[in-house]
Amino acid sequence: MKVRIDPSWAIRLKDEFDAPYFQTLADFVKSEYKAGPCYPPGADIFNAFDLCPFEAVKVVIIGQDPYHEPGQAEGLCFSVAEGVKMPPSLVNIFKEISDDLGRPVPPSGSLRRWARQGVLLLNATLTVRAHQAASHAGHGWETFTDAAIRHVAAERDHVVFMLWGSYAQRKREMIDPERHLVLASPHPSPLSAHRGFFGNHHFSRANDYLKAHGQTPIDW
C-alpha cells in the first residue's frame, strides 16, 4: 500500500506500519479495492494525517468509518468532497456551529480547511466497501488509529478531544483529562442530535480552551 502521510506522523506510526497486523490489514484492503468499489479513493486514505501534521494538532474529532456512497468520502471524518450534498450528521454539525458561534452554514461540506488549521478528523476505520457501513471494521484499522490517538494524548498538551456518541467515547480511557480538554456528547446523527448534541457548545468551548492556553482558535 502506497502511503501519502505527513512525515511527522510517518515517524510516530512506523512501528504500526511495520507490525504484522498492519501487513495483514494492507493485504485485506488491497484485495477489497481490487474486488469492487471502496472508499475513500486510495490516495486519500491517510488524508487526516497528511493534511494535519502531528505538531499542528489542536483538536481531535473521532468518527467511526468513512461514508460508503460514491463520491462522498475524502479521508476526513464527517467531511465530504467539494460539490457533494452534505449528509445529515454534517448538516447538524454546521447547525450547532451556527447556533453556537453565529456563523452561517458554508456551501461546501469539505472540512479540509479545518484539517489545515490543526483539526485531526480521524475515523477509527479508514476504509469501507461501497454501500456497506462498517464493512472494514475489525480488520486492524482500529489498532492503528488508537495508536495515533495515544501519540497525541501522550506527546502533546492542551488538545481538545471531541467525542460524539458512544463509539467515540470509548476512546476516553486513552486521554488524560488533566492534560487535555475532553468534550463528550451524543452523536450529531438525526437519531441522537436532539438528545444533547444540539446545544453542546463544543466549538466555542474548544476555542475558549485553545485561547486560554495561548493557541490560535479554530475558524469553524
N, C-alpha and C. Protein backbone atom coordinates (compact mmCIF):
# COMPACT_ATOMS: atom_id res chain seq x y z
N MET A 1 0.85 -1.20 0.00
CA MET A 1 0.00 0.00 0.00
C MET A 1 0.88 1.25 0.00
N LYS A 2 0.74 2.09 -1.02
CA LYS A 2 1.49 3.34 -1.05
C LYS A 2 0.82 4.33 -0.10
N VAL A 3 1.62 4.92 0.76
CA VAL A 3 1.08 5.78 1.80
C VAL A 3 1.49 7.22 1.56
N ARG A 4 0.51 8.12 1.52
CA ARG A 4 0.79 9.55 1.47
C ARG A 4 0.42 10.09 2.84
N ILE A 5 1.45 10.40 3.62
CA ILE A 5 1.22 10.77 5.02
C ILE A 5 2.30 11.75 5.44
N ASP A 6 1.94 12.75 6.21
CA ASP A 6 2.92 13.73 6.65
C ASP A 6 4.06 13.05 7.41
N PRO A 7 5.31 13.46 7.15
CA PRO A 7 6.45 12.81 7.80
C PRO A 7 6.38 12.78 9.32
N SER A 8 5.77 13.80 9.91
CA SER A 8 5.68 13.83 11.38
C SER A 8 4.87 12.66 11.91
N TRP A 9 3.87 12.22 11.15
CA TRP A 9 3.07 11.05 11.51
C TRP A 9 3.77 9.76 11.10
N ALA A 10 4.42 9.78 9.94
CA ALA A 10 5.09 8.57 9.46
C ALA A 10 6.13 8.08 10.48
N ILE A 11 6.84 9.02 11.09
CA ILE A 11 7.85 8.66 12.09
C ILE A 11 7.17 8.02 13.31
N ARG A 12 6.10 8.63 13.78
CA ARG A 12 5.46 8.15 15.00
C ARG A 12 4.70 6.84 14.79
N LEU A 13 4.23 6.61 13.59
CA LEU A 13 3.44 5.41 13.32
C LEU A 13 4.24 4.31 12.62
N LYS A 14 5.57 4.49 12.56
CA LYS A 14 6.41 3.50 11.88
C LYS A 14 6.25 2.11 12.48
N ASP A 15 6.19 2.03 13.81
CA ASP A 15 6.04 0.71 14.44
C ASP A 15 4.73 0.04 14.03
N GLU A 16 3.70 0.85 13.81
CA GLU A 16 2.42 0.28 13.36
C GLU A 16 2.54 -0.22 11.92
N PHE A 17 3.13 0.60 11.05
CA PHE A 17 3.29 0.19 9.65
C PHE A 17 4.13 -1.08 9.53
N ASP A 18 5.09 -1.25 10.45
CA ASP A 18 5.99 -2.40 10.41
C ASP A 18 5.43 -3.63 11.10
N ALA A 19 4.34 -3.48 11.83
CA ALA A 19 3.79 -4.58 12.62
C ALA A 19 3.11 -5.62 11.72
N PRO A 20 3.13 -6.88 12.13
CA PRO A 20 2.48 -7.92 11.33
C PRO A 20 0.99 -7.65 11.07
N TYR A 21 0.29 -7.11 12.05
CA TYR A 21 -1.15 -6.87 11.85
C TYR A 21 -1.39 -5.90 10.71
N PHE A 22 -0.46 -4.92 10.55
CA PHE A 22 -0.69 -3.92 9.51
C PHE A 22 -0.47 -4.52 8.13
N GLN A 23 0.48 -5.45 8.00
CA GLN A 23 0.67 -6.11 6.71
C GLN A 23 -0.58 -6.92 6.33
N THR A 24 -1.16 -7.59 7.32
CA THR A 24 -2.40 -8.33 7.10
C THR A 24 -3.52 -7.38 6.70
N LEU A 25 -3.60 -6.25 7.39
CA LEU A 25 -4.60 -5.23 7.07
C LEU A 25 -4.39 -4.69 5.66
N ALA A 26 -3.15 -4.39 5.31
CA ALA A 26 -2.86 -3.85 3.98
C ALA A 26 -3.25 -4.83 2.89
N ASP A 27 -2.97 -6.10 3.12
CA ASP A 27 -3.35 -7.13 2.13
C ASP A 27 -4.87 -7.20 1.98
N PHE A 28 -5.57 -7.11 3.11
CA PHE A 28 -7.03 -7.13 3.08
C PHE A 28 -7.57 -5.93 2.30
N VAL A 29 -7.06 -4.74 2.60
CA VAL A 29 -7.54 -3.53 1.94
C VAL A 29 -7.26 -3.58 0.44
N LYS A 30 -6.07 -4.02 0.06
CA LYS A 30 -5.74 -4.13 -1.37
C LYS A 30 -6.71 -5.07 -2.08
N SER A 31 -6.99 -6.21 -1.45
CA SER A 31 -7.90 -7.18 -2.07
C SER A 31 -9.31 -6.62 -2.19
N GLU A 32 -9.74 -5.86 -1.19
CA GLU A 32 -11.07 -5.24 -1.22
C GLU A 32 -11.18 -4.20 -2.33
N TYR A 33 -10.16 -3.37 -2.47
CA TYR A 33 -10.19 -2.34 -3.51
C TYR A 33 -10.14 -2.97 -4.90
N LYS A 34 -9.47 -4.10 -5.03
CA LYS A 34 -9.44 -4.81 -6.32
C LYS A 34 -10.78 -5.47 -6.63
N ALA A 35 -11.46 -5.93 -5.59
CA ALA A 35 -12.70 -6.70 -5.77
C ALA A 35 -13.89 -5.83 -6.18
N GLY A 36 -13.88 -4.57 -5.79
CA GLY A 36 -15.00 -3.70 -6.10
C GLY A 36 -14.82 -2.34 -5.48
N PRO A 37 -15.76 -1.43 -5.70
CA PRO A 37 -15.60 -0.06 -5.19
C PRO A 37 -15.45 -0.01 -3.67
N CYS A 38 -14.46 0.74 -3.24
CA CYS A 38 -14.25 1.02 -1.81
C CYS A 38 -13.93 2.50 -1.68
N TYR A 39 -14.11 3.01 -0.49
CA TYR A 39 -13.90 4.44 -0.25
C TYR A 39 -13.09 4.64 1.02
N PRO A 40 -12.35 5.78 1.10
CA PRO A 40 -12.19 6.81 0.09
C PRO A 40 -11.25 6.35 -1.02
N PRO A 41 -11.01 7.18 -2.05
CA PRO A 41 -10.00 6.82 -3.04
C PRO A 41 -8.68 6.50 -2.35
N GLY A 42 -7.93 5.57 -2.93
CA GLY A 42 -6.70 5.11 -2.28
C GLY A 42 -5.77 6.23 -1.85
N ALA A 43 -5.64 7.24 -2.69
CA ALA A 43 -4.72 8.34 -2.37
C ALA A 43 -5.18 9.16 -1.17
N ASP A 44 -6.45 9.03 -0.79
CA ASP A 44 -7.00 9.84 0.31
C ASP A 44 -7.12 9.08 1.63
N ILE A 45 -6.73 7.82 1.67
CA ILE A 45 -6.96 7.01 2.87
C ILE A 45 -6.36 7.66 4.12
N PHE A 46 -5.17 8.24 3.97
CA PHE A 46 -4.47 8.82 5.13
C PHE A 46 -4.57 10.35 5.15
N ASN A 47 -5.58 10.91 4.51
CA ASN A 47 -5.71 12.36 4.44
C ASN A 47 -5.72 13.03 5.81
N ALA A 48 -6.36 12.40 6.79
CA ALA A 48 -6.42 13.01 8.13
C ALA A 48 -5.02 13.31 8.65
N PHE A 49 -4.09 12.39 8.39
CA PHE A 49 -2.70 12.56 8.85
C PHE A 49 -1.90 13.45 7.91
N ASP A 50 -2.21 13.40 6.62
CA ASP A 50 -1.42 14.15 5.66
C ASP A 50 -1.73 15.64 5.72
N LEU A 51 -2.97 15.99 5.98
CA LEU A 51 -3.38 17.40 5.99
C LEU A 51 -3.16 18.07 7.34
N CYS A 52 -2.96 17.28 8.38
CA CYS A 52 -2.82 17.83 9.74
C CYS A 52 -1.57 17.24 10.40
N PRO A 53 -0.41 17.86 10.23
CA PRO A 53 0.81 17.34 10.84
C PRO A 53 0.68 17.19 12.35
N PHE A 54 1.45 16.26 12.89
CA PHE A 54 1.35 15.95 14.32
C PHE A 54 1.52 17.20 15.19
N GLU A 55 2.53 18.00 14.86
CA GLU A 55 2.83 19.17 15.71
C GLU A 55 1.74 20.24 15.63
N ALA A 56 0.87 20.14 14.62
CA ALA A 56 -0.17 21.14 14.43
C ALA A 56 -1.49 20.79 15.11
N VAL A 57 -1.61 19.55 15.64
CA VAL A 57 -2.90 19.09 16.16
C VAL A 57 -3.33 19.92 17.37
N LYS A 58 -4.51 20.51 17.25
CA LYS A 58 -5.12 21.26 18.35
C LYS A 58 -6.41 20.61 18.82
N VAL A 59 -7.13 19.99 17.87
CA VAL A 59 -8.43 19.38 18.14
C VAL A 59 -8.45 18.01 17.47
N VAL A 60 -9.02 17.02 18.15
CA VAL A 60 -9.22 15.70 17.56
C VAL A 60 -10.72 15.40 17.58
N ILE A 61 -11.26 15.11 16.40
CA ILE A 61 -12.65 14.67 16.28
C ILE A 61 -12.62 13.23 15.77
N ILE A 62 -13.33 12.35 16.46
CA ILE A 62 -13.27 10.93 16.15
C ILE A 62 -14.60 10.47 15.54
N GLY A 63 -14.50 9.88 14.35
CA GLY A 63 -15.64 9.26 13.70
C GLY A 63 -15.48 7.75 13.69
N GLN A 64 -16.44 7.06 13.09
CA GLN A 64 -16.41 5.60 13.11
C GLN A 64 -15.80 5.01 11.84
N ASP A 65 -16.43 5.25 10.69
CA ASP A 65 -15.83 4.81 9.43
C ASP A 65 -16.28 5.74 8.31
N PRO A 66 -15.66 5.64 7.13
CA PRO A 66 -15.96 6.60 6.06
C PRO A 66 -17.38 6.46 5.52
N TYR A 67 -17.84 7.53 4.90
CA TYR A 67 -19.09 7.44 4.14
C TYR A 67 -18.93 6.36 3.07
N HIS A 68 -20.01 5.64 2.78
CA HIS A 68 -19.89 4.47 1.90
C HIS A 68 -20.64 4.60 0.58
N GLU A 69 -21.05 5.83 0.23
CA GLU A 69 -21.69 6.05 -1.06
C GLU A 69 -20.71 6.79 -2.00
N PRO A 70 -20.88 6.64 -3.30
CA PRO A 70 -19.92 7.19 -4.27
C PRO A 70 -19.68 8.69 -4.10
N GLY A 71 -18.40 9.07 -4.17
CA GLY A 71 -18.02 10.48 -4.21
C GLY A 71 -18.04 11.21 -2.89
N GLN A 72 -18.45 10.54 -1.80
CA GLN A 72 -18.57 11.25 -0.52
C GLN A 72 -17.25 11.33 0.25
N ALA A 73 -16.68 10.18 0.56
CA ALA A 73 -15.54 10.13 1.50
C ALA A 73 -14.29 10.75 0.91
N GLU A 74 -13.58 11.51 1.76
CA GLU A 74 -12.29 12.07 1.34
C GLU A 74 -11.22 11.91 2.40
N GLY A 75 -11.39 10.91 3.26
CA GLY A 75 -10.35 10.59 4.23
C GLY A 75 -10.36 11.44 5.48
N LEU A 76 -11.43 12.17 5.71
CA LEU A 76 -11.58 13.01 6.90
C LEU A 76 -12.95 12.71 7.49
N CYS A 77 -13.03 12.42 8.77
CA CYS A 77 -14.32 12.06 9.34
C CYS A 77 -15.31 13.22 9.20
N PHE A 78 -16.55 12.87 8.89
CA PHE A 78 -17.68 13.78 8.72
C PHE A 78 -17.60 14.66 7.47
N SER A 79 -16.46 14.71 6.81
CA SER A 79 -16.24 15.57 5.67
C SER A 79 -16.67 14.91 4.37
N VAL A 80 -17.21 15.69 3.45
CA VAL A 80 -17.50 15.18 2.11
C VAL A 80 -16.77 16.04 1.08
N ALA A 81 -16.48 15.44 -0.07
CA ALA A 81 -15.76 16.14 -1.13
C ALA A 81 -16.55 17.36 -1.61
N GLU A 82 -15.82 18.31 -2.16
CA GLU A 82 -16.45 19.52 -2.73
C GLU A 82 -17.57 19.14 -3.69
N GLY A 83 -18.68 19.85 -3.58
CA GLY A 83 -19.78 19.66 -4.51
C GLY A 83 -20.72 18.52 -4.17
N VAL A 84 -20.41 17.78 -3.11
CA VAL A 84 -21.26 16.66 -2.70
C VAL A 84 -22.27 17.13 -1.65
N LYS A 85 -23.49 16.67 -1.77
CA LYS A 85 -24.53 17.04 -0.80
C LYS A 85 -24.12 16.63 0.61
N MET A 86 -24.34 17.52 1.57
CA MET A 86 -23.95 17.22 2.95
C MET A 86 -24.84 16.14 3.54
N PRO A 87 -24.24 15.09 4.14
CA PRO A 87 -25.04 14.10 4.86
C PRO A 87 -25.68 14.72 6.11
N PRO A 88 -26.71 14.08 6.65
CA PRO A 88 -27.45 14.67 7.78
C PRO A 88 -26.59 15.00 8.99
N SER A 89 -25.63 14.14 9.34
CA SER A 89 -24.80 14.44 10.52
C SER A 89 -23.99 15.72 10.33
N LEU A 90 -23.47 15.91 9.12
CA LEU A 90 -22.69 17.12 8.85
C LEU A 90 -23.59 18.35 8.85
N VAL A 91 -24.79 18.22 8.34
CA VAL A 91 -25.76 19.31 8.41
C VAL A 91 -25.97 19.72 9.87
N ASN A 92 -26.10 18.73 10.74
CA ASN A 92 -26.32 19.02 12.16
C ASN A 92 -25.09 19.63 12.82
N ILE A 93 -23.91 19.22 12.39
CA ILE A 93 -22.69 19.83 12.92
C ILE A 93 -22.67 21.32 12.59
N PHE A 94 -22.97 21.65 11.34
CA PHE A 94 -22.96 23.07 10.95
C PHE A 94 -24.11 23.84 11.60
N LYS A 95 -25.21 23.17 11.87
CA LYS A 95 -26.31 23.83 12.59
C LYS A 95 -25.87 24.21 14.00
N GLU A 96 -25.16 23.29 14.67
CA GLU A 96 -24.67 23.60 16.01
C GLU A 96 -23.63 24.71 15.97
N ILE A 97 -22.75 24.70 14.99
CA ILE A 97 -21.77 25.78 14.86
C ILE A 97 -22.48 27.12 14.66
N SER A 98 -23.52 27.11 13.83
CA SER A 98 -24.28 28.34 13.58
C SER A 98 -24.94 28.84 14.85
N ASP A 99 -25.56 27.92 15.60
CA ASP A 99 -26.23 28.31 16.85
C ASP A 99 -25.22 28.73 17.91
N ASP A 100 -24.07 28.07 17.94
CA ASP A 100 -23.05 28.31 18.97
C ASP A 100 -22.27 29.59 18.71
N LEU A 101 -21.88 29.80 17.45
CA LEU A 101 -20.96 30.88 17.12
C LEU A 101 -21.55 31.94 16.21
N GLY A 102 -22.82 31.72 15.76
CA GLY A 102 -23.45 32.70 14.88
C GLY A 102 -22.89 32.71 13.47
N ARG A 103 -22.26 31.60 13.07
CA ARG A 103 -21.66 31.53 11.75
C ARG A 103 -22.65 30.96 10.74
N PRO A 104 -22.67 31.49 9.52
CA PRO A 104 -23.56 30.92 8.51
C PRO A 104 -23.09 29.54 8.09
N VAL A 105 -24.00 28.70 7.65
CA VAL A 105 -23.65 27.37 7.16
C VAL A 105 -22.91 27.53 5.84
N PRO A 106 -21.73 26.93 5.69
CA PRO A 106 -20.95 27.09 4.46
C PRO A 106 -21.57 26.32 3.29
N PRO A 107 -21.24 26.70 2.07
CA PRO A 107 -21.79 25.99 0.91
C PRO A 107 -21.16 24.62 0.70
N SER A 108 -19.94 24.43 1.20
CA SER A 108 -19.23 23.17 0.99
C SER A 108 -19.16 22.34 2.26
N GLY A 109 -19.28 21.03 2.11
CA GLY A 109 -19.15 20.13 3.24
C GLY A 109 -17.75 19.57 3.42
N SER A 110 -16.78 20.06 2.64
CA SER A 110 -15.40 19.61 2.82
C SER A 110 -14.79 20.29 4.04
N LEU A 111 -14.20 19.49 4.91
CA LEU A 111 -13.60 20.01 6.14
C LEU A 111 -12.08 20.10 6.04
N ARG A 112 -11.58 20.10 4.81
CA ARG A 112 -10.13 20.22 4.64
C ARG A 112 -9.61 21.50 5.30
N ARG A 113 -10.40 22.56 5.28
CA ARG A 113 -9.94 23.81 5.89
C ARG A 113 -9.78 23.67 7.40
N TRP A 114 -10.59 22.79 8.04
CA TRP A 114 -10.39 22.50 9.46
C TRP A 114 -9.09 21.75 9.66
N ALA A 115 -8.87 20.74 8.83
CA ALA A 115 -7.66 19.92 8.97
C ALA A 115 -6.41 20.78 8.87
N ARG A 116 -6.43 21.73 7.95
CA ARG A 116 -5.25 22.57 7.75
C ARG A 116 -5.03 23.56 8.91
N GLN A 117 -6.04 23.70 9.77
CA GLN A 117 -5.90 24.56 10.95
C GLN A 117 -5.51 23.77 12.21
N GLY A 118 -5.39 22.45 12.07
CA GLY A 118 -4.99 21.65 13.23
C GLY A 118 -6.08 20.78 13.81
N VAL A 119 -7.12 20.48 13.02
CA VAL A 119 -8.18 19.58 13.48
C VAL A 119 -7.93 18.21 12.86
N LEU A 120 -7.62 17.23 13.70
CA LEU A 120 -7.40 15.86 13.23
C LEU A 120 -8.76 15.18 13.12
N LEU A 121 -9.19 14.95 11.90
CA LEU A 121 -10.53 14.41 11.62
C LEU A 121 -10.38 12.91 11.37
N LEU A 122 -10.39 12.15 12.45
CA LEU A 122 -9.94 10.76 12.41
C LEU A 122 -11.09 9.76 12.52
N ASN A 123 -11.30 8.99 11.46
CA ASN A 123 -12.19 7.83 11.57
C ASN A 123 -11.43 6.68 12.21
N ALA A 124 -12.11 5.90 13.04
CA ALA A 124 -11.47 4.74 13.66
C ALA A 124 -11.09 3.70 12.61
N THR A 125 -11.93 3.56 11.58
CA THR A 125 -11.66 2.68 10.45
C THR A 125 -11.50 3.57 9.22
N LEU A 126 -10.42 3.38 8.48
CA LEU A 126 -10.08 4.35 7.43
C LEU A 126 -10.61 4.00 6.05
N THR A 127 -11.17 2.81 5.88
CA THR A 127 -11.71 2.41 4.57
C THR A 127 -13.04 1.69 4.76
N VAL A 128 -13.78 1.57 3.64
CA VAL A 128 -15.09 0.91 3.70
C VAL A 128 -15.45 0.41 2.31
N ARG A 129 -16.18 -0.69 2.26
CA ARG A 129 -16.71 -1.21 0.99
C ARG A 129 -17.94 -0.40 0.60
N ALA A 130 -18.12 -0.17 -0.69
CA ALA A 130 -19.26 0.61 -1.16
C ALA A 130 -20.57 0.05 -0.63
N HIS A 131 -21.42 0.94 -0.15
CA HIS A 131 -22.79 0.64 0.28
C HIS A 131 -22.87 -0.24 1.54
N GLN A 132 -21.74 -0.50 2.20
CA GLN A 132 -21.75 -1.41 3.36
C GLN A 132 -21.03 -0.77 4.54
N ALA A 133 -21.77 -0.07 5.38
CA ALA A 133 -21.19 0.58 6.55
C ALA A 133 -20.46 -0.44 7.42
N ALA A 134 -19.34 -0.03 7.97
CA ALA A 134 -18.53 -0.84 8.91
C ALA A 134 -18.01 -2.13 8.30
N SER A 135 -17.97 -2.22 6.96
CA SER A 135 -17.54 -3.46 6.31
C SER A 135 -16.05 -3.73 6.46
N HIS A 136 -15.26 -2.71 6.80
CA HIS A 136 -13.82 -2.91 7.03
C HIS A 136 -13.46 -2.79 8.50
N ALA A 137 -14.46 -2.74 9.36
CA ALA A 137 -14.20 -2.71 10.81
C ALA A 137 -13.68 -4.07 11.27
N GLY A 138 -12.87 -4.05 12.31
CA GLY A 138 -12.39 -5.30 12.90
C GLY A 138 -11.27 -5.98 12.15
N HIS A 139 -10.63 -5.27 11.21
CA HIS A 139 -9.53 -5.85 10.45
C HIS A 139 -8.17 -5.24 10.80
N GLY A 140 -8.13 -4.36 11.77
CA GLY A 140 -6.86 -3.79 12.21
C GLY A 140 -6.77 -2.28 12.18
N TRP A 141 -7.67 -1.63 11.45
CA TRP A 141 -7.61 -0.17 11.42
C TRP A 141 -7.73 0.44 12.81
N GLU A 142 -8.59 -0.16 13.65
CA GLU A 142 -8.80 0.41 14.98
C GLU A 142 -7.52 0.40 15.81
N THR A 143 -6.71 -0.65 15.66
CA THR A 143 -5.42 -0.70 16.36
C THR A 143 -4.53 0.44 15.90
N PHE A 144 -4.52 0.68 14.61
CA PHE A 144 -3.70 1.74 14.02
C PHE A 144 -4.15 3.12 14.49
N THR A 145 -5.44 3.39 14.41
CA THR A 145 -5.92 4.73 14.77
C THR A 145 -5.88 4.95 16.28
N ASP A 146 -6.05 3.89 17.07
CA ASP A 146 -5.87 4.02 18.52
C ASP A 146 -4.44 4.43 18.84
N ALA A 147 -3.48 3.88 18.11
CA ALA A 147 -2.07 4.25 18.31
C ALA A 147 -1.87 5.73 18.04
N ALA A 148 -2.53 6.24 17.00
CA ALA A 148 -2.41 7.67 16.68
C ALA A 148 -2.98 8.52 17.81
N ILE A 149 -4.13 8.12 18.34
CA ILE A 149 -4.74 8.87 19.45
C ILE A 149 -3.82 8.86 20.67
N ARG A 150 -3.23 7.71 20.94
CA ARG A 150 -2.32 7.61 22.09
C ARG A 150 -1.11 8.52 21.94
N HIS A 151 -0.58 8.61 20.72
CA HIS A 151 0.56 9.51 20.50
C HIS A 151 0.18 10.95 20.80
N VAL A 152 -0.98 11.38 20.31
CA VAL A 152 -1.41 12.76 20.58
C VAL A 152 -1.61 12.96 22.08
N ALA A 153 -2.29 12.04 22.71
CA ALA A 153 -2.59 12.18 24.14
C ALA A 153 -1.34 12.20 25.00
N ALA A 154 -0.31 11.45 24.59
CA ALA A 154 0.90 11.32 25.40
C ALA A 154 1.96 12.38 25.10
N GLU A 155 2.00 12.86 23.86
CA GLU A 155 3.10 13.72 23.44
C GLU A 155 2.73 15.18 23.26
N ARG A 156 1.45 15.48 23.23
CA ARG A 156 1.01 16.87 23.09
C ARG A 156 0.34 17.32 24.38
N ASP A 157 0.20 18.62 24.54
CA ASP A 157 -0.51 19.18 25.69
C ASP A 157 -1.66 20.06 25.19
N HIS A 158 -2.71 20.12 26.01
CA HIS A 158 -3.82 21.04 25.77
C HIS A 158 -4.47 20.85 24.40
N VAL A 159 -4.76 19.60 24.09
CA VAL A 159 -5.51 19.27 22.88
C VAL A 159 -6.98 19.07 23.26
N VAL A 160 -7.88 19.49 22.40
CA VAL A 160 -9.32 19.28 22.61
C VAL A 160 -9.74 18.00 21.90
N PHE A 161 -10.33 17.08 22.63
CA PHE A 161 -10.86 15.85 22.05
C PHE A 161 -12.38 15.92 22.06
N MET A 162 -13.00 15.87 20.88
CA MET A 162 -14.46 15.88 20.77
C MET A 162 -14.93 14.45 20.53
N LEU A 163 -15.65 13.92 21.50
CA LEU A 163 -16.11 12.53 21.44
C LEU A 163 -17.63 12.52 21.34
N TRP A 164 -18.11 12.30 20.13
CA TRP A 164 -19.55 12.35 19.86
C TRP A 164 -20.10 10.94 19.70
N GLY A 165 -20.97 10.56 20.59
CA GLY A 165 -21.57 9.23 20.52
C GLY A 165 -20.79 8.20 21.32
N SER A 166 -21.44 7.08 21.60
CA SER A 166 -20.85 6.06 22.48
C SER A 166 -19.58 5.45 21.90
N TYR A 167 -19.53 5.29 20.58
CA TYR A 167 -18.34 4.68 19.98
C TYR A 167 -17.10 5.55 20.23
N ALA A 168 -17.20 6.82 19.93
CA ALA A 168 -16.07 7.72 20.14
C ALA A 168 -15.72 7.83 21.62
N GLN A 169 -16.73 7.79 22.47
CA GLN A 169 -16.48 7.97 23.90
C GLN A 169 -15.71 6.80 24.51
N ARG A 170 -15.67 5.66 23.82
CA ARG A 170 -14.84 4.56 24.31
C ARG A 170 -13.36 4.89 24.25
N LYS A 171 -12.99 5.90 23.47
CA LYS A 171 -11.58 6.30 23.37
C LYS A 171 -11.15 7.15 24.57
N ARG A 172 -12.09 7.52 25.40
CA ARG A 172 -11.79 8.41 26.53
C ARG A 172 -10.70 7.86 27.44
N GLU A 173 -10.64 6.53 27.58
CA GLU A 173 -9.68 5.93 28.51
C GLU A 173 -8.23 6.18 28.09
N MET A 174 -8.01 6.57 26.85
CA MET A 174 -6.65 6.84 26.37
C MET A 174 -6.21 8.28 26.62
N ILE A 175 -7.11 9.11 27.12
CA ILE A 175 -6.88 10.56 27.20
C ILE A 175 -6.87 11.02 28.66
N ASP A 176 -5.83 11.73 29.05
CA ASP A 176 -5.73 12.28 30.41
C ASP A 176 -6.51 13.59 30.47
N PRO A 177 -7.63 13.63 31.22
CA PRO A 177 -8.44 14.85 31.25
C PRO A 177 -7.78 16.00 32.01
N GLU A 178 -6.71 15.70 32.74
CA GLU A 178 -5.97 16.77 33.42
C GLU A 178 -5.04 17.50 32.44
N ARG A 179 -4.72 16.81 31.37
CA ARG A 179 -3.76 17.34 30.39
C ARG A 179 -4.45 17.91 29.16
N HIS A 180 -5.64 17.42 28.88
CA HIS A 180 -6.38 17.81 27.68
C HIS A 180 -7.83 18.14 28.04
N LEU A 181 -8.54 18.76 27.11
CA LEU A 181 -9.97 19.00 27.28
C LEU A 181 -10.75 17.92 26.54
N VAL A 182 -11.56 17.17 27.27
CA VAL A 182 -12.39 16.12 26.68
C VAL A 182 -13.84 16.61 26.65
N LEU A 183 -14.40 16.74 25.46
CA LEU A 183 -15.78 17.17 25.29
C LEU A 183 -16.59 16.00 24.74
N ALA A 184 -17.57 15.56 25.48
CA ALA A 184 -18.37 14.40 25.07
C ALA A 184 -19.84 14.80 24.98
N SER A 185 -20.52 14.24 23.98
CA SER A 185 -21.96 14.48 23.82
C SER A 185 -22.52 13.38 22.94
N PRO A 186 -23.85 13.33 22.80
CA PRO A 186 -24.43 12.42 21.80
C PRO A 186 -23.90 12.74 20.40
N HIS A 187 -24.09 11.80 19.50
CA HIS A 187 -23.64 11.91 18.11
C HIS A 187 -24.52 12.91 17.35
N PRO A 188 -23.95 13.59 16.34
CA PRO A 188 -24.77 14.54 15.56
C PRO A 188 -25.76 13.90 14.59
N SER A 189 -25.83 12.59 14.54
CA SER A 189 -26.81 11.92 13.70
C SER A 189 -28.23 12.40 14.02
N PRO A 190 -29.11 12.46 13.03
CA PRO A 190 -30.51 12.84 13.31
C PRO A 190 -31.18 11.95 14.35
N LEU A 191 -30.67 10.74 14.54
CA LEU A 191 -31.25 9.83 15.54
C LEU A 191 -30.94 10.26 16.97
N SER A 192 -29.88 11.04 17.15
CA SER A 192 -29.47 11.35 18.52
C SER A 192 -29.13 12.82 18.77
N ALA A 193 -29.04 13.64 17.73
CA ALA A 193 -28.58 15.02 17.90
C ALA A 193 -29.43 15.80 18.90
N HIS A 194 -30.74 15.52 18.89
CA HIS A 194 -31.65 16.26 19.77
C HIS A 194 -31.48 15.84 21.24
N ARG A 195 -30.72 14.76 21.49
CA ARG A 195 -30.53 14.31 22.87
C ARG A 195 -29.34 14.97 23.57
N GLY A 196 -28.77 15.99 22.94
CA GLY A 196 -27.68 16.68 23.61
C GLY A 196 -26.53 17.11 22.72
N PHE A 197 -26.54 16.73 21.45
CA PHE A 197 -25.52 17.30 20.56
C PHE A 197 -25.86 18.76 20.31
N PHE A 198 -27.12 19.02 19.96
CA PHE A 198 -27.53 20.42 19.82
C PHE A 198 -27.44 21.09 21.19
N GLY A 199 -26.76 22.20 21.21
CA GLY A 199 -26.59 22.93 22.46
C GLY A 199 -25.38 22.52 23.26
N ASN A 200 -24.51 21.66 22.70
CA ASN A 200 -23.33 21.24 23.48
C ASN A 200 -22.24 22.32 23.52
N HIS A 201 -22.31 23.28 22.61
CA HIS A 201 -21.35 24.40 22.57
C HIS A 201 -19.90 23.93 22.49
N HIS A 202 -19.67 22.78 21.86
CA HIS A 202 -18.31 22.26 21.79
C HIS A 202 -17.36 23.17 21.03
N PHE A 203 -17.87 23.88 20.05
CA PHE A 203 -16.99 24.66 19.19
C PHE A 203 -16.51 25.93 19.89
N SER A 204 -17.40 26.59 20.60
CA SER A 204 -16.97 27.76 21.38
C SER A 204 -16.13 27.33 22.58
N ARG A 205 -16.49 26.21 23.20
CA ARG A 205 -15.70 25.72 24.34
C ARG A 205 -14.29 25.34 23.92
N ALA A 206 -14.17 24.73 22.76
CA ALA A 206 -12.85 24.38 22.23
C ALA A 206 -12.02 25.63 22.01
N ASN A 207 -12.61 26.63 21.38
CA ASN A 207 -11.85 27.85 21.10
C ASN A 207 -11.48 28.60 22.37
N ASP A 208 -12.38 28.62 23.34
CA ASP A 208 -12.06 29.27 24.63
C ASP A 208 -10.86 28.58 25.29
N TYR A 209 -10.85 27.25 25.23
CA TYR A 209 -9.76 26.47 25.83
C TYR A 209 -8.45 26.73 25.09
N LEU A 210 -8.50 26.73 23.77
CA LEU A 210 -7.28 26.98 23.00
C LEU A 210 -6.72 28.37 23.30
N LYS A 211 -7.59 29.37 23.32
CA LYS A 211 -7.14 30.72 23.62
C LYS A 211 -6.56 30.82 25.03
N ALA A 212 -7.17 30.13 25.98
CA ALA A 212 -6.70 30.14 27.37
C ALA A 212 -5.31 29.54 27.50
N HIS A 213 -4.94 28.70 26.53
CA HIS A 213 -3.62 28.06 26.57
C HIS A 213 -2.70 28.59 25.47
N GLY A 214 -2.97 29.84 25.04
CA GLY A 214 -2.07 30.54 24.15
C GLY A 214 -2.05 30.07 22.71
N GLN A 215 -3.14 29.40 22.29
CA GLN A 215 -3.19 28.90 20.92
C GLN A 215 -4.23 29.67 20.10
N THR A 216 -4.03 29.71 18.81
CA THR A 216 -4.97 30.36 17.90
C THR A 216 -6.24 29.52 17.82
N PRO A 217 -7.41 30.12 17.99
CA PRO A 217 -8.66 29.34 17.89
C PRO A 217 -8.91 28.87 16.45
N ILE A 218 -9.80 27.91 16.32
CA ILE A 218 -10.16 27.38 15.00
C ILE A 218 -11.22 28.26 14.36
N ASP A 219 -11.04 28.56 13.10
CA ASP A 219 -12.08 29.24 12.33
C ASP A 219 -13.03 28.18 11.82
N TRP A 220 -14.08 27.88 12.60
CA TRP A 220 -15.03 26.83 12.25
C TRP A 220 -15.90 27.22 11.07
